[in-house]
Amino acid sequence: MSMTETLAASAFGVTANAARRIAFIMEHENQPGAMMRIAVSGGGCSGFQYGFSIDDTANDDDRVFERDGAKVVIDETSLELLAGSEIDYVEDLVGSAFQIRNPNAKSGCGCGNSFSV
């Protein structure tokens, strides 16, 4: 059974900017009840990489984190590597992207999507 966590008690944070962008994407994709799935897998130039997708189902081993109606779902294995992290949506002169601030990452690569622990 999946659990929905509030930010106050969560092991994973969602910034207001990220919540707004997730809600926008779900509306734009015509999937208002869907969630952003974040998964960590082996790969990338530093050992692990982040993966993002849209999902409308939470599995038994998933944790769901919600802010302002936007939901992020993470499987328990990925959450072990993401504990204490926060997702943000950043816009600058170069472009815009989701960014994960992961205190468990010992190093990362220039792309920001790969890290090591």
PDB file of N, CA and C in Angstrom:
ATOM      1  N   MET A   1       0.843  -1.162   0.000  1.00  0.00           N
ATOM      2  CA  MET A   1       0.000   0.000   0.000  1.00  0.00           C
ATOM      3  C   MET A   1       0.897   1.237   0.000  1.00  0.00           C
ATOM      4  N   SER A   2       0.578   2.209  -0.858  1.00  0.00           N
ATOM      5  CA  SER A   2       1.375   3.431  -0.896  1.00  0.00           C
ATOM      6  C   SER A   2       0.910   4.390   0.179  1.00  0.00           C
ATOM      7  N   MET A   3       1.795   5.278   0.570  1.00  0.00           N
ATOM      8  CA  MET A   3       1.453   6.257   1.594  1.00  0.00           C
ATOM      9  C   MET A   3       1.672   7.643   1.018  1.00  0.00           C
ATOM     10  N   THR A   4       0.772   8.568   1.316  1.00  0.00           N
ATOM     11  CA  THR A   4       0.964   9.950   0.931  1.00  0.00           C
ATOM     12  C   THR A   4       1.546  10.683   2.118  1.00  0.00           C
ATOM     13  N   GLU A   5       2.653  11.360   1.901  1.00  0.00           N
ATOM     14  CA  GLU A   5       3.364  12.055   2.963  1.00  0.00           C
ATOM     15  C   GLU A   5       3.130  13.556   2.837  1.00  0.00           C
ATOM     16  N   THR A   6       3.027  14.224   3.939  1.00  0.00           N
ATOM     17  CA  THR A   6       3.028  15.677   3.914  1.00  0.00           C
ATOM     18  C   THR A   6       4.468  16.133   3.980  1.00  0.00           C
ATOM     19  N   LEU A   7       4.745  17.330   3.504  1.00  0.00           N
ATOM     20  CA  LEU A   7       6.123  17.801   3.480  1.00  0.00           C
ATOM     21  C   LEU A   7       6.728  17.908   4.862  1.00  0.00           C
ATOM     22  N   ALA A   8       5.929  18.233   5.859  1.00  0.00           N
ATOM     23  CA  ALA A   8       6.463  18.419   7.206  1.00  0.00           C
ATOM     24  C   ALA A   8       7.107  17.145   7.741  1.00  0.00           C
ATOM     25  N   ALA A   9       6.596  15.988   7.340  1.00  0.00           N
ATOM     26  CA  ALA A   9       7.099  14.736   7.894  1.00  0.00           C
ATOM     27  C   ALA A   9       7.836  13.898   6.857  1.00  0.00           C
ATOM     28  N   SER A  10       8.152  14.488   5.719  1.00  0.00           N
ATOM     29  CA  SER A  10       8.675  13.673   4.635  1.00  0.00           C
ATOM     30  C   SER A  10      10.186  13.521   4.665  1.00  0.00           C
ATOM     31  N   ALA A  11      10.639  12.509   3.963  1.00  0.00           N
ATOM     32  CA  ALA A  11      12.059  12.294   3.753  1.00  0.00           C
ATOM     33  C   ALA A  11      12.467  12.874   2.409  1.00  0.00           C
ATOM     34  N   PHE A  12      11.527  13.510   1.712  1.00  0.00           N
ATOM     35  CA  PHE A  12      11.764  14.079   0.391  1.00  0.00           C
ATOM     36  C   PHE A  12      10.935  15.341   0.263  1.00  0.00           C
ATOM     37  N   GLY A  13      11.537  16.407  -0.223  1.00  0.00           N
ATOM     38  CA  GLY A  13      10.837  17.685  -0.320  1.00  0.00           C
ATOM     39  C   GLY A  13      10.529  18.080  -1.752  1.00  0.00           C
ATOM     40  N   VAL A  14       9.458  18.838  -1.911  1.00  0.00           N
ATOM     41  CA  VAL A  14       9.037  19.379  -3.198  1.00  0.00           C
ATOM     42  C   VAL A  14       8.898  20.887  -3.011  1.00  0.00           C
ATOM     43  N   THR A  15       9.666  21.677  -3.759  1.00  0.00           N
ATOM     44  CA  THR A  15       9.560  23.126  -3.623  1.00  0.00           C
ATOM     45  C   THR A  15       8.275  23.620  -4.279  1.00  0.00           C
ATOM     46  N   ALA A  16       7.902  24.845  -3.961  1.00  0.00           N
ATOM     47  CA  ALA A  16       6.708  25.448  -4.564  1.00  0.00           C
ATOM     48  C   ALA A  16       6.868  25.553  -6.077  1.00  0.00           C
ATOM     49  N   ASN A  17       8.068  25.909  -6.560  1.00  0.00           N
ATOM     50  CA  ASN A  17       8.301  25.990  -8.011  1.00  0.00           C
ATOM     51  C   ASN A  17       8.122  24.634  -8.676  1.00  0.00           C
ATOM     52  N   ALA A  18       8.648  23.588  -8.056  1.00  0.00           N
ATOM     53  CA  ALA A  18       8.510  22.243  -8.616  1.00  0.00           C
ATOM     54  C   ALA A  18       7.048  21.821  -8.619  1.00  0.00           C
ATOM     55  N   ALA A  19       6.324  22.104  -7.551  1.00  0.00           N
ATOM     56  CA  ALA A  19       4.907  21.733  -7.472  1.00  0.00           C
ATOM     57  C   ALA A  19       4.109  22.423  -8.571  1.00  0.00           C
ATOM     58  N   ARG A  20       4.370  23.720  -8.795  1.00  0.00           N
ATOM     59  CA  ARG A  20       3.659  24.446  -9.857  1.00  0.00           C
ATOM     60  C   ARG A  20       3.954  23.848 -11.224  1.00  0.00           C
ATOM     61  N   ARG A  21       5.216  23.510 -11.474  1.00  0.00           N
ATOM     62  CA  ARG A  21       5.587  22.964 -12.784  1.00  0.00           C
ATOM     63  C   ARG A  21       5.015  21.564 -12.981  1.00  0.00           C
ATOM     64  N   ILE A  22       5.032  20.741 -11.949  1.00  0.00           N
ATOM     65  CA  ILE A  22       4.445  19.398 -12.045  1.00  0.00           C
ATOM     66  C   ILE A  22       2.960  19.513 -12.358  1.00  0.00           C
ATOM     67  N   ALA A  23       2.257  20.395 -11.654  1.00  0.00           N
ATOM     68  CA  ALA A  23       0.823  20.592 -11.902  1.00  0.00           C
ATOM     69  C   ALA A  23       0.586  21.064 -13.332  1.00  0.00           C
ATOM     70  N   PHE A  24       1.426  21.969 -13.831  1.00  0.00           N
ATOM     71  CA  PHE A  24       1.310  22.465 -15.200  1.00  0.00           C
ATOM     72  C   PHE A  24       1.486  21.322 -16.198  1.00  0.00           C
ATOM     73  N   ILE A  25       2.497  20.487 -15.990  1.00  0.00           N
ATOM     74  CA  ILE A  25       2.761  19.368 -16.900  1.00  0.00           C
ATOM     75  C   ILE A  25       1.583  18.403 -16.914  1.00  0.00           C
ATOM     76  N   MET A  26       1.066  18.060 -15.741  1.00  0.00           N
ATOM     77  CA  MET A  26      -0.053  17.118 -15.681  1.00  0.00           C
ATOM     78  C   MET A  26      -1.279  17.690 -16.394  1.00  0.00           C
ATOM     79  N   GLU A  27      -1.508  18.985 -16.232  1.00  0.00           N
ATOM     80  CA  GLU A  27      -2.639  19.619 -16.915  1.00  0.00           C
ATOM     81  C   GLU A  27      -2.395  19.654 -18.423  1.00  0.00           C
ATOM     82  N   HIS A  28      -1.183  20.012 -18.828  1.00  0.00           N
ATOM     83  CA  HIS A  28      -0.830  20.090 -20.246  1.00  0.00           C
ATOM     84  C   HIS A  28      -0.923  18.722 -20.914  1.00  0.00           C
ATOM     85  N   GLU A  29      -0.563  17.673 -20.201  1.00  0.00           N
ATOM     86  CA  GLU A  29      -0.628  16.308 -20.725  1.00  0.00           C
ATOM     87  C   GLU A  29      -2.029  15.711 -20.581  1.00  0.00           C
ATOM     88  N   ASN A  30      -2.954  16.516 -20.067  1.00  0.00           N
ATOM     89  CA  ASN A  30      -4.338  16.087 -19.849  1.00  0.00           C
ATOM     90  C   ASN A  30      -4.405  14.864 -18.929  1.00  0.00           C
ATOM     91  N   GLN A  31      -3.578  14.884 -17.882  1.00  0.00           N
ATOM     92  CA  GLN A  31      -3.538  13.818 -16.884  1.00  0.00           C
ATOM     93  C   GLN A  31      -3.561  14.442 -15.491  1.00  0.00           C
ATOM     94  N   PRO A  32      -4.662  15.113 -15.141  1.00  0.00           N
ATOM     95  CA  PRO A  32      -4.699  15.864 -13.880  1.00  0.00           C
ATOM     96  C   PRO A  32      -4.491  15.025 -12.620  1.00  0.00           C
ATOM     97  N   GLY A  33      -4.785  13.746 -12.619  1.00  0.00           N
ATOM     98  CA  GLY A  33      -4.603  12.915 -11.435  1.00  0.00           C
ATOM     99  C   GLY A  33      -3.275  12.190 -11.400  1.00  0.00           C
ATOM    100  N   ALA A  34      -2.446  12.406 -12.412  1.00  0.00           N
ATOM    101  CA  ALA A  34      -1.184  11.677 -12.515  1.00  0.00           C
ATOM    102  C   ALA A  34      -0.125  12.259 -11.580  1.00  0.00           C
ATOM    103  N   MET A  35       0.964  11.520 -11.431  1.00  0.00           N
ATOM    104  CA  MET A  35       2.064  11.899 -10.542  1.00  0.00           C
ATOM    105  C   MET A  35       3.373  11.906 -11.324  1.00  0.00           C
ATOM    106  N   MET A  36       4.347  12.665 -10.827  1.00  0.00           N
ATOM    107  CA  MET A  36       5.691  12.586 -11.384  1.00  0.00           C
ATOM    108  C   MET A  36       6.423  11.476 -10.641  1.00  0.00           C
ATOM    109  N   ARG A  37       6.911  10.497 -11.386  1.00  0.00           N
ATOM    110  CA  ARG A  37       7.687   9.414 -10.779  1.00  0.00           C
ATOM    111  C   ARG A  37       9.168   9.757 -10.904  1.00  0.00           C
ATOM    112  N   ILE A  38       9.864   9.646  -9.783  1.00  0.00           N
ATOM    113  CA  ILE A  38      11.312   9.826  -9.766  1.00  0.00           C
ATOM    114  C   ILE A  38      11.922   8.487  -9.379  1.00  0.00           C
ATOM    115  N   ALA A  39      12.858   8.026 -10.194  1.00  0.00           N
ATOM    116  CA  ALA A  39      13.525   6.755  -9.919  1.00  0.00           C
ATOM    117  C   ALA A  39      15.032   6.949 -10.047  1.00  0.00           C
ATOM    118  N   VAL A  40      15.772   6.206  -9.271  1.00  0.00           N
ATOM    119  CA  VAL A  40      17.228   6.202  -9.360  1.00  0.00           C
ATOM    120  C   VAL A  40      17.630   4.856  -9.935  1.00  0.00           C
ATOM    121  N   SER A  41      18.481   4.883 -10.951  1.00  0.00           N
ATOM    122  CA  SER A  41      18.958   3.641 -11.547  1.00  0.00           C
ATOM    123  C   SER A  41      20.465   3.734 -11.744  1.00  0.00           C
ATOM    124  N   GLY A  42      21.082   2.581 -11.934  1.00  0.00           N
ATOM    125  CA  GLY A  42      22.505   2.553 -12.208  1.00  0.00           C
ATOM    126  C   GLY A  42      22.764   3.112 -13.589  1.00  0.00           C
ATOM    127  N   GLY A  43      23.833   3.872 -13.722  1.00  0.00           N
ATOM    128  CA  GLY A  43      24.172   4.433 -15.026  1.00  0.00           C
ATOM    129  C   GLY A  43      24.682   5.848 -14.900  1.00  0.00           C
ATOM    130  N   GLY A  44      24.845   6.475 -16.032  1.00  0.00           N
ATOM    131  CA  GLY A  44      25.377   7.830 -16.040  1.00  0.00           C
ATOM    132  C   GLY A  44      26.876   7.798 -15.808  1.00  0.00           C
ATOM    133  N   CYS A  45      27.489   8.945 -15.860  1.00  0.00           N
ATOM    134  CA  CYS A  45      28.948   8.993 -15.732  1.00  0.00           C
ATOM    135  C   CYS A  45      29.428   8.921 -14.287  1.00  0.00           C
ATOM    136  N   SER A  46      28.515   9.030 -13.313  1.00  0.00           N
ATOM    137  CA  SER A  46      28.935   8.996 -11.905  1.00  0.00           C
ATOM    138  C   SER A  46      28.434   7.776 -11.140  1.00  0.00           C
ATOM    139  N   GLY A  47      27.702   6.886 -11.781  1.00  0.00           N
ATOM    140  CA  GLY A  47      27.267   5.660 -11.115  1.00  0.00           C
ATOM    141  C   GLY A  47      25.769   5.499 -10.982  1.00  0.00           C
ATOM    142  N   PHE A  48      25.060   6.571 -10.628  1.00  0.00           N
ATOM    143  CA  PHE A  48      23.600   6.540 -10.523  1.00  0.00           C
ATOM    144  C   PHE A  48      23.030   7.694 -11.332  1.00  0.00           C
ATOM    145  N   GLN A  49      21.803   7.515 -11.812  1.00  0.00           N
ATOM    146  CA  GLN A  49      21.161   8.604 -12.531  1.00  0.00           C
ATOM    147  C   GLN A  49      19.695   8.713 -12.144  1.00  0.00           C
ATOM    148  N   TYR A  50      19.176   9.928 -12.260  1.00  0.00           N
ATOM    149  CA  TYR A  50      17.772  10.194 -11.965  1.00  0.00           C
ATOM    150  C   TYR A  50      16.950   9.963 -13.224  1.00  0.00           C
ATOM    151  N   GLY A  51      15.758   9.410 -13.031  1.00  0.00           N
ATOM    152  CA  GLY A  51      14.816   9.252 -14.130  1.00  0.00           C
ATOM    153  C   GLY A  51      13.488   9.870 -13.742  1.00  0.00           C
ATOM    154  N   PHE A  52      12.852  10.556 -14.676  1.00  0.00           N
ATOM    155  CA  PHE A  52      11.572  11.215 -14.437  1.00  0.00           C
ATOM    156  C   PHE A  52      10.556  10.697 -15.443  1.00  0.00           C
ATOM    157  N   SER A  53       9.353  10.412 -14.975  1.00  0.00           N
ATOM    158  CA  SER A  53       8.278   9.992 -15.870  1.00  0.00           C
ATOM    159  C   SER A  53       6.938  10.368 -15.250  1.00  0.00           C
ATOM    160  N   ILE A  54       5.888  10.239 -16.045  1.00  0.00           N
ATOM    161  CA  ILE A  54       4.529  10.479 -15.564  1.00  0.00           C
ATOM    162  C   ILE A  54       3.894   9.125 -15.297  1.00  0.00           C
ATOM    163  N   ASP A  55       3.247   8.990 -14.147  1.00  0.00           N
ATOM    164  CA  ASP A  55       2.631   7.721 -13.759  1.00  0.00           C
ATOM    165  C   ASP A  55       1.295   8.003 -13.096  1.00  0.00           C
ATOM    166  N   ASP A  56       0.324   7.149 -13.353  1.00  0.00           N
ATOM    167  CA  ASP A  56      -0.983   7.338 -12.709  1.00  0.00           C
ATOM    168  C   ASP A  56      -1.263   6.289 -11.646  1.00  0.00           C
ATOM    169  N   THR A  57      -0.253   5.453 -11.365  1.00  0.00           N
ATOM    170  CA  THR A  57      -0.430   4.389 -10.383  1.00  0.00           C
ATOM    171  C   THR A  57       0.727   4.376  -9.388  1.00  0.00           C
ATOM    172  N   ALA A  58       0.392   4.234  -8.120  1.00  0.00           N
ATOM    173  CA  ALA A  58       1.411   4.034  -7.089  1.00  0.00           C
ATOM    174  C   ALA A  58       1.425   2.551  -6.739  1.00  0.00           C
ATOM    175  N   ASN A  59       2.605   1.958  -6.745  1.00  0.00           N
ATOM    176  CA  ASN A  59       2.755   0.539  -6.431  1.00  0.00           C
ATOM    177  C   ASN A  59       2.863   0.331  -4.923  1.00  0.00           C
ATOM    178  N   ASP A  60       2.843  -0.932  -4.507  1.00  0.00           N
ATOM    179  CA  ASP A  60       2.907  -1.260  -3.085  1.00  0.00           C
ATOM    180  C   ASP A  60       4.176  -0.745  -2.405  1.00  0.00           C
ATOM    181  N   ASP A  61       5.286  -0.683  -3.147  1.00  0.00           N
ATOM    182  CA  ASP A  61       6.545  -0.246  -2.536  1.00  0.00           C
ATOM    183  C   ASP A  61       6.846   1.231  -2.802  1.00  0.00           C
ATOM    184  N   ASP A  62       5.831   2.001  -3.175  1.00  0.00           N
ATOM    185  CA  ASP A  62       6.008   3.421  -3.467  1.00  0.00           C
ATOM    186  C   ASP A  62       5.648   4.295  -2.277  1.00  0.00           C
ATOM    187  N   ARG A  63       6.272   5.462  -2.222  1.00  0.00           N
ATOM    188  CA  ARG A  63       5.887   6.520  -1.284  1.00  0.00           C
ATOM    189  C   ARG A  63       5.467   7.709  -2.132  1.00  0.00           C
ATOM    190  N   VAL A  64       4.387   8.350  -1.761  1.00  0.00           N
ATOM    191  CA  VAL A  64       3.867   9.498  -2.497  1.00  0.00           C
ATOM    192  C   VAL A  64       4.039  10.742  -1.637  1.00  0.00           C
ATOM    193  N   PHE A  65       4.642  11.771  -2.218  1.00  0.00           N
ATOM    194  CA  PHE A  65       4.851  13.050  -1.545  1.00  0.00           C
ATOM    195  C   PHE A  65       4.041  14.098  -2.292  1.00  0.00           C
ATOM    196  N   GLU A  66       3.348  14.946  -1.558  1.00  0.00           N
ATOM    197  CA  GLU A  66       2.441  15.896  -2.189  1.00  0.00           C
ATOM    198  C   GLU A  66       2.672  17.309  -1.674  1.00  0.00           C
ATOM    199  N   ARG A  67       2.589  18.252  -2.595  1.00  0.00           N
ATOM    200  CA  ARG A  67       2.617  19.671  -2.224  1.00  0.00           C
ATOM    201  C   ARG A  67       1.677  20.422  -3.159  1.00  0.00           C
ATOM    202  N   ASP A  68       0.774  21.163  -2.576  1.00  0.00           N
ATOM    203  CA  ASP A  68      -0.166  21.994  -3.336  1.00  0.00           C
ATOM    204  C   ASP A  68      -0.862  21.211  -4.444  1.00  0.00           C
ATOM    205  N   GLY A  69      -1.183  19.952  -4.180  1.00  0.00           N
ATOM    206  CA  GLY A  69      -1.895  19.124  -5.147  1.00  0.00           C
ATOM    207  C   GLY A  69      -1.008  18.394  -6.138  1.00  0.00           C
ATOM    208  N   ALA A  70       0.271  18.761  -6.224  1.00  0.00           N
ATOM    209  CA  ALA A  70       1.201  18.074  -7.123  1.00  0.00           C
ATOM    210  C   ALA A  70       1.800  16.889  -6.377  1.00  0.00           C
ATOM    211  N   LYS A  71       1.813  15.734  -7.029  1.00  0.00           N
ATOM    212  CA  LYS A  71       2.294  14.514  -6.382  1.00  0.00           C
ATOM    213  C   LYS A  71       3.560  13.992  -7.043  1.00  0.00           C
ATOM    214  N   VAL A  72       4.488  13.546  -6.185  1.00  0.00           N
ATOM    215  CA  VAL A  72       5.722  12.902  -6.623  1.00  0.00           C
ATOM    216  C   VAL A  72       5.725  11.516  -6.009  1.00  0.00           C
ATOM    217  N   VAL A  73       5.983  10.498  -6.820  1.00  0.00           N
ATOM    218  CA  VAL A  73       6.000   9.120  -6.332  1.00  0.00           C
ATOM    219  C   VAL A  73       7.415   8.555  -6.506  1.00  0.00           C
ATOM    220  N   ILE A  74       7.890   7.871  -5.458  1.00  0.00           N
ATOM    221  CA  ILE A  74       9.246   7.317  -5.455  1.00  0.00           C
ATOM    222  C   ILE A  74       9.190   5.918  -4.853  1.00  0.00           C
ATOM    223  N   ASP A  75       9.832   4.950  -5.512  1.00  0.00           N
ATOM    224  CA  ASP A  75       9.876   3.598  -4.952  1.00  0.00           C
ATOM    225  C   ASP A  75      10.844   3.578  -3.772  1.00  0.00           C
ATOM    226  N   GLU A  76      10.652   2.612  -2.875  1.00  0.00           N
ATOM    227  CA  GLU A  76      11.440   2.554  -1.637  1.00  0.00           C
ATOM    228  C   GLU A  76      12.940   2.431  -1.888  1.00  0.00           C
ATOM    229  N   THR A  77      13.331   1.676  -2.908  1.00  0.00           N
ATOM    230  CA  THR A  77      14.756   1.507  -3.198  1.00  0.00           C
ATOM    231  C   THR A  77      15.380   2.835  -3.609  1.00  0.00           C
ATOM    232  N   SER A  78      14.699   3.573  -4.490  1.00  0.00           N
ATOM    233  CA  SER A  78      15.204   4.886  -4.907  1.00  0.00           C
ATOM    234  C   SER A  78      15.202   5.860  -3.744  1.00  0.00           C
ATOM    235  N   LEU A  79      14.189   5.756  -2.886  1.00  0.00           N
ATOM    236  CA  LEU A  79      14.075   6.684  -1.764  1.00  0.00           C
ATOM    237  C   LEU A  79      15.253   6.550  -0.799  1.00  0.00           C
ATOM    238  N   GLU A  80      15.830   5.347  -0.702  1.00  0.00           N
ATOM    239  CA  GLU A  80      17.011   5.171   0.148  1.00  0.00           C
ATOM    240  C   GLU A  80      18.151   6.076  -0.316  1.00  0.00           C
ATOM    241  N   LEU A  81      18.271   6.263  -1.633  1.00  0.00           N
ATOM    242  CA  LEU A  81      19.325   7.118  -2.183  1.00  0.00           C
ATOM    243  C   LEU A  81      18.904   8.582  -2.240  1.00  0.00           C
ATOM    244  N   LEU A  82      17.608   8.840  -2.087  1.00  0.00           N
ATOM    245  CA  LEU A  82      17.078  10.204  -2.167  1.00  0.00           C
ATOM    246  C   LEU A  82      16.669  10.781  -0.818  1.00  0.00           C
ATOM    247  N   ALA A  83      16.838  10.025   0.259  1.00  0.00           N
ATOM    248  CA  ALA A  83      16.394  10.481   1.582  1.00  0.00           C
ATOM    249  C   ALA A  83      16.984  11.847   1.910  1.00  0.00           C
ATOM    250  N   GLY A  84      16.128  12.772   2.297  1.00  0.00           N
ATOM    251  CA  GLY A  84      16.562  14.120   2.643  1.00  0.00           C
ATOM    252  C   GLY A  84      16.711  15.047   1.453  1.00  0.00           C
ATOM    253  N   SER A  85      16.427  14.554   0.262  1.00  0.00           N
ATOM    254  CA  SER A  85      16.575  15.353  -0.954  1.00  0.00           C
ATOM    255  C   SER A  85      15.370  16.250  -1.177  1.00  0.00           C
ATOM    256  N   GLU A  86      15.525  17.140  -2.147  1.00  0.00           N
ATOM    257  CA  GLU A  86      14.454  18.055  -2.511  1.00  0.00           C
ATOM    258  C   GLU A  86      14.485  18.256  -4.019  1.00  0.00           C
ATOM    259  N   ILE A  87      13.299  18.256  -4.639  1.00  0.00           N
ATOM    260  CA  ILE A  87      13.212  18.561  -6.063  1.00  0.00           C
ATOM    261  C   ILE A  87      12.775  20.010  -6.216  1.00  0.00           C
ATOM    262  N   ASP A  88      13.418  20.685  -7.152  1.00  0.00           N
ATOM    263  CA  ASP A  88      13.099  22.077  -7.452  1.00  0.00           C
ATOM    264  C   ASP A  88      12.965  22.204  -8.965  1.00  0.00           C
ATOM    265  N   TYR A  89      12.344  23.273  -9.407  1.00  0.00           N
ATOM    266  CA  TYR A  89      12.285  23.592 -10.827  1.00  0.00           C
ATOM    267  C   TYR A  89      12.966  24.932 -10.987  1.00  0.00           C
ATOM    268  N   VAL A  90      14.057  24.952 -11.771  1.00  0.00           N
ATOM    269  CA  VAL A  90      14.859  26.162 -11.901  1.00  0.00           C
ATOM    270  C   VAL A  90      14.837  26.673 -13.337  1.00  0.00           C
ATOM    271  N   GLU A  91      14.736  27.981 -13.446  1.00  0.00           N
ATOM    272  CA  GLU A  91      14.791  28.643 -14.748  1.00  0.00           C
ATOM    273  C   GLU A  91      15.926  29.655 -14.703  1.00  0.00           C
ATOM    274  N   ASP A  92      16.792  29.604 -15.726  1.00  0.00           N
ATOM    275  CA  ASP A  92      17.861  30.584 -15.821  1.00  0.00           C
ATOM    276  C   ASP A  92      18.084  30.933 -17.290  1.00  0.00           C
ATOM    277  N   LEU A  93      19.150  31.647 -17.590  1.00  0.00           N
ATOM    278  CA  LEU A  93      19.403  32.083 -18.964  1.00  0.00           C
ATOM    279  C   LEU A  93      19.663  30.922 -19.916  1.00  0.00           C
ATOM    280  N   VAL A  94      20.164  29.828 -19.403  1.00  0.00           N
ATOM    281  CA  VAL A  94      20.494  28.671 -20.232  1.00  0.00           C
ATOM    282  C   VAL A  94      19.259  27.836 -20.555  1.00  0.00           C
ATOM    283  N   GLY A  95      18.292  27.792 -19.647  1.00  0.00           N
ATOM    284  CA  GLY A  95      17.093  26.994 -19.857  1.00  0.00           C
ATOM    285  C   GLY A  95      16.384  26.743 -18.542  1.00  0.00           C
ATOM    286  N   SER A  96      15.573  25.715 -18.535  1.00  0.00           N
ATOM    287  CA  SER A  96      14.841  25.359 -17.322  1.00  0.00           C
ATOM    288  C   SER A  96      14.846  23.843 -17.170  1.00  0.00           C
ATOM    289  N   ALA A  97      14.808  23.398 -15.916  1.00  0.00           N
ATOM    290  CA  ALA A  97      14.860  21.959 -15.664  1.00  0.00           C
ATOM    291  C   ALA A  97      14.504  21.667 -14.215  1.00  0.00           C
ATOM    292  N   PHE A  98      14.066  20.434 -13.987  1.00  0.00           N
ATOM    293  CA  PHE A  98      13.924  19.959 -12.616  1.00  0.00           C
ATOM    294  C   PHE A  98      15.328  19.671 -12.102  1.00  0.00           C
ATOM    295  N   GLN A  99      15.548  19.972 -10.841  1.00  0.00           N
ATOM    296  CA  GLN A  99      16.861  19.780 -10.228  1.00  0.00           C
ATOM    297  C   GLN A  99      16.657  19.120  -8.867  1.00  0.00           C
ATOM    298  N   ILE A 100      17.435  18.093  -8.591  1.00  0.00           N
ATOM    299  CA  ILE A 100      17.347  17.421  -7.296  1.00  0.00           C
ATOM    300  C   ILE A 100      18.563  17.799  -6.466  1.00  0.00           C
ATOM    301  N   ARG A 101      18.296  18.311  -5.285  1.00  0.00           N
ATOM    302  CA  ARG A 101      19.364  18.602  -4.322  1.00  0.00           C
ATOM    303  C   ARG A 101      19.443  17.395  -3.393  1.00  0.00           C
ATOM    304  N   ASN A 102      20.492  16.607  -3.563  1.00  0.00           N
ATOM    305  CA  ASN A 102      20.618  15.340  -2.854  1.00  0.00           C
ATOM    306  C   ASN A 102      21.799  15.392  -1.883  1.00  0.00           C
ATOM    307  N   PRO A 103      21.529  15.433  -0.575  1.00  0.00           N
ATOM    308  CA  PRO A 103      22.623  15.490   0.395  1.00  0.00           C
ATOM    309  C   PRO A 103      23.431  14.196   0.464  1.00  0.00           C
ATOM    310  N   ASN A 104      22.923  13.115  -0.111  1.00  0.00           N
ATOM    311  CA  ASN A 104      23.625  11.832  -0.099  1.00  0.00           C
ATOM    312  C   ASN A 104      24.645  11.720  -1.226  1.00  0.00           C
ATOM    313  N   ALA A 105      24.557  12.595  -2.222  1.00  0.00           N
ATOM    314  CA  ALA A 105      25.461  12.541  -3.370  1.00  0.00           C
ATOM    315  C   ALA A 105      26.833  13.064  -2.964  1.00  0.00           C
ATOM    316  N   LYS A 106      27.825  12.218  -3.113  1.00  0.00           N
ATOM    317  CA  LYS A 106      29.199  12.615  -2.784  1.00  0.00           C
ATOM    318  C   LYS A 106      29.824  13.389  -3.933  1.00  0.00           C
ATOM    319  N   SER A 107      29.422  13.055  -5.149  1.00  0.00           N
ATOM    320  CA  SER A 107      29.900  13.778  -6.326  1.00  0.00           C
ATOM    321  C   SER A 107      28.856  13.648  -7.420  1.00  0.00           C
ATOM    322  N   GLY A 108      28.955  14.497  -8.402  1.00  0.00           N
ATOM    323  CA  GLY A 108      28.025  14.475  -9.521  1.00  0.00           C
ATOM    324  C   GLY A 108      28.749  14.878 -10.783  1.00  0.00           C
ATOM    325  N   CYS A 109      28.038  14.814 -11.882  1.00  0.00           N
ATOM    326  CA  CYS A 109      28.653  15.219 -13.135  1.00  0.00           C
ATOM    327  C   CYS A 109      28.072  16.563 -13.565  1.00  0.00           C
ATOM    328  N   GLY A 110      28.616  17.124 -14.594  1.00  0.00           N
ATOM    329  CA  GLY A 110      28.201  18.434 -15.070  1.00  0.00           C
ATOM    330  C   GLY A 110      26.756  18.512 -15.515  1.00  0.00           C
ATOM    331  N   CYS A 111      26.191  17.404 -15.961  1.00  0.00           N
ATOM    332  CA  CYS A 111      24.811  17.425 -16.453  1.00  0.00           C
ATOM    333  C   CYS A 111      23.805  17.544 -15.314  1.00  0.00           C
ATOM    334  N   GLY A 112      24.201  17.183 -14.100  1.00  0.00           N
ATOM    335  CA  GLY A 112      23.302  17.267 -12.957  1.00  0.00           C
ATOM    336  C   GLY A 112      22.350  16.096 -12.828  1.00  0.00           C
ATOM    337  N   ASN A 113      22.419  15.136 -13.749  1.00  0.00           N
ATOM    338  CA  ASN A 113      21.516  13.986 -13.703  1.00  0.00           C
ATOM    339  C   ASN A 113      22.193  12.722 -13.210  1.00  0.00           C
ATOM    340  N   SER A 114      23.460  12.785 -12.913  1.00  0.00           N
ATOM    341  CA  SER A 114      24.200  11.608 -12.490  1.00  0.00           C
ATOM    342  C   SER A 114      24.960  11.936 -11.204  1.00  0.00           C
ATOM    343  N   PHE A 115      25.051  10.945 -10.313  1.00  0.00           N
ATOM    344  CA  PHE A 115      25.719  11.178  -9.031  1.00  0.00           C
ATOM    345  C   PHE A 115      26.294   9.888  -8.489  1.00  0.00           C
ATOM    346  N   SER A 116      27.163  10.025  -7.482  1.00  0.00           N
ATOM    347  CA  SER A 116      27.689   8.852  -6.779  1.00  0.00           C
ATOM    348  C   SER A 116      27.472   9.054  -5.288  1.00  0.00           C
ATOM    349  N   VAL A 117      27.422   7.938  -4.557  1.00  0.00           N
ATOM    350  CA  VAL A 117      27.231   7.999  -3.098  1.00  0.00           C
ATOM    351  C   VAL A 117      28.405   7.358  -2.399  1.00  0.00           C
TER     352      VAL A 117
END
